[in-house]
Amino acid sequence: EAQMVESGGGLAQPGGSLRLSCAASGFRFRDWTTNWVRQRAGKGPEGVASIGSVDRSSRIKYADSVKGRFTVSRDIGKNTLQLQMNNLQPEDTAVYYCAQISHDFWGQGLHVTVSS
């Protein structure tokens, strides 16, 4: 059974940085497009970043709201997925999930709070 376990997150001040990590078992990040998805209070899920499978040239996409501030990466050897978040803003406050959408695999979610 596939499992995705996230770590990182927490509290940051505006302009600060946080790094999220997602480790998978029973599933290889290299084989499937995987996503970071966030859900802000009272709002629906929002795709933040995605990284394609190796077969799809590991194509990376970002939501306009995070472009230039967030960086998604993948360590194939360790089978982990990362999201480096810089210049965080209060509107980035949300629960963040790593997800493989087509198989409906989701991490447990991490709270990220950006506040002074």
Protein backbone atom coordinates (compact mmCIF):
# COMPACT_ATOMS: atom_id res chain seq x y z
CA GLU A 1 0.00 0.00 0.00
CA ALA A 2 1.37 3.38 -0.98
CA GLN A 3 2.00 5.92 1.71
CA MET A 4 3.23 9.51 1.60
CA VAL A 5 4.52 11.12 4.78
CA GLU A 6 5.23 14.83 4.98
CA SER A 7 7.55 16.75 7.25
CA GLY A 8 8.43 20.37 7.75
CA GLY A 9 5.99 23.24 7.85
CA GLY A 10 5.21 25.33 10.90
CA LEU A 11 5.35 29.05 11.55
CA ALA A 12 7.23 31.64 9.53
CA GLN A 13 7.29 35.41 9.50
CA PRO A 14 6.40 37.30 6.33
CA GLY A 15 9.41 37.22 4.05
CA GLY A 16 10.68 34.07 5.70
CA SER A 17 11.24 30.58 4.36
CA LEU A 18 10.12 27.05 5.06
CA ARG A 19 10.89 23.73 3.46
CA LEU A 20 8.43 20.88 3.13
CA SER A 21 9.43 17.31 2.42
CA CYS A 22 7.42 14.27 1.40
CA ALA A 23 8.69 10.69 1.61
CA ALA A 24 6.91 7.91 -0.24
CA SER A 25 6.75 4.18 0.18
CA GLY A 26 5.09 1.74 -2.20
CA PHE A 27 5.27 4.38 -4.89
CA ARG A 28 8.08 6.02 -6.84
CA PHE A 29 8.03 9.74 -7.43
CA ARG A 30 10.05 9.27 -10.60
CA ASP A 31 7.24 7.34 -12.26
CA TRP A 32 4.36 9.76 -11.79
CA THR A 33 3.61 13.45 -11.84
CA THR A 34 3.33 14.56 -8.24
CA ASN A 35 1.92 17.72 -6.81
CA TRP A 36 1.98 20.03 -3.88
CA VAL A 37 -1.56 21.14 -3.14
CA ARG A 38 -2.66 23.60 -0.48
CA GLN A 39 -5.96 24.41 1.10
CA ARG A 40 -6.50 27.76 2.75
CA ALA A 41 -9.19 28.18 5.37
CA GLY A 42 -12.60 28.39 3.76
CA LYS A 43 -11.26 27.78 0.27
CA GLY A 44 -10.95 24.80 -2.07
CA PRO A 45 -7.73 22.96 -2.88
CA GLU A 46 -5.20 24.85 -4.96
CA GLY A 47 -2.43 23.22 -6.94
CA VAL A 48 0.79 24.97 -5.98
CA ALA A 49 3.48 23.08 -7.89
CA SER A 50 3.94 19.89 -9.81
CA ILE A 51 6.84 17.90 -11.15
CA GLY A 52 6.41 15.45 -13.98
CA SER A 53 7.65 11.90 -14.21
CA VAL A 54 11.10 11.23 -15.55
CA ASP A 55 9.41 9.95 -18.73
CA ARG A 56 7.80 13.35 -19.10
CA SER A 57 11.12 15.16 -18.71
CA SER A 58 10.32 16.03 -15.09
CA ARG A 59 8.40 19.06 -16.30
CA ILE A 60 7.77 21.55 -13.52
CA LYS A 61 4.80 23.86 -13.20
CA TYR A 62 3.88 26.48 -10.62
CA ALA A 63 0.74 28.37 -9.77
CA ASP A 64 1.07 32.05 -10.65
CA SER A 65 0.63 32.91 -6.98
CA VAL A 66 3.90 31.19 -6.01
CA LYS A 67 6.04 31.56 -9.13
CA GLY A 68 9.46 32.93 -8.31
CA ARG A 69 9.05 32.16 -4.61
CA PHE A 70 8.49 28.40 -4.37
CA THR A 71 10.72 25.66 -5.79
CA VAL A 72 9.69 22.03 -6.16
CA SER A 73 12.36 19.35 -6.38
CA ARG A 74 12.69 15.62 -6.19
CA ASP A 75 15.40 13.28 -4.92
CA ILE A 76 14.98 10.12 -6.93
CA GLY A 77 17.52 8.14 -4.90
CA LYS A 78 15.78 8.90 -1.61
CA ASN A 79 12.31 8.89 -3.20
CA THR A 80 11.42 12.21 -1.65
CA LEU A 81 9.73 15.36 -2.87
CA GLN A 82 10.51 18.83 -1.55
CA LEU A 83 8.92 22.26 -1.66
CA GLN A 84 11.18 25.17 -0.79
CA MET A 85 9.06 28.19 0.05
CA ASN A 86 10.76 31.59 0.15
CA ASN A 87 9.44 35.09 0.69
CA LEU A 88 6.40 33.67 2.40
CA GLN A 89 3.35 35.87 2.73
CA PRO A 90 0.32 35.66 5.03
CA GLU A 91 -1.78 34.47 2.09
CA ASP A 92 0.44 31.37 1.91
CA THR A 93 -1.03 30.22 5.21
CA ALA A 94 -2.66 26.88 4.46
CA VAL A 95 -2.49 23.15 4.92
CA TYR A 96 -0.06 21.74 2.35
CA TYR A 97 -0.31 18.25 0.89
CA CYS A 98 1.92 16.23 -1.39
CA ALA A 99 -0.28 14.25 -3.72
CA GLN A 100 -0.30 11.89 -6.66
CA ILE A 101 -3.65 12.81 -8.08
CA SER A 102 -4.32 10.01 -10.55
CA HIS A 103 -3.87 7.35 -7.85
CA ASP A 104 -5.48 9.54 -5.19
CA PHE A 105 -2.42 9.23 -2.93
CA TRP A 106 -2.14 12.06 -0.42
CA GLY A 107 0.12 12.96 2.44
CA GLN A 108 -1.30 13.72 5.84
CA GLY A 109 -1.05 17.50 5.36
CA LEU A 110 1.18 20.09 6.99
CA HIS A 111 0.09 23.35 8.54
CA VAL A 112 2.01 26.37 7.33
CA THR A 113 1.30 29.65 9.10
CA VAL A 114 2.81 32.92 7.97
CA SER A 115 2.36 35.63 10.54
CA SER A 116 4.29 38.34 12.30
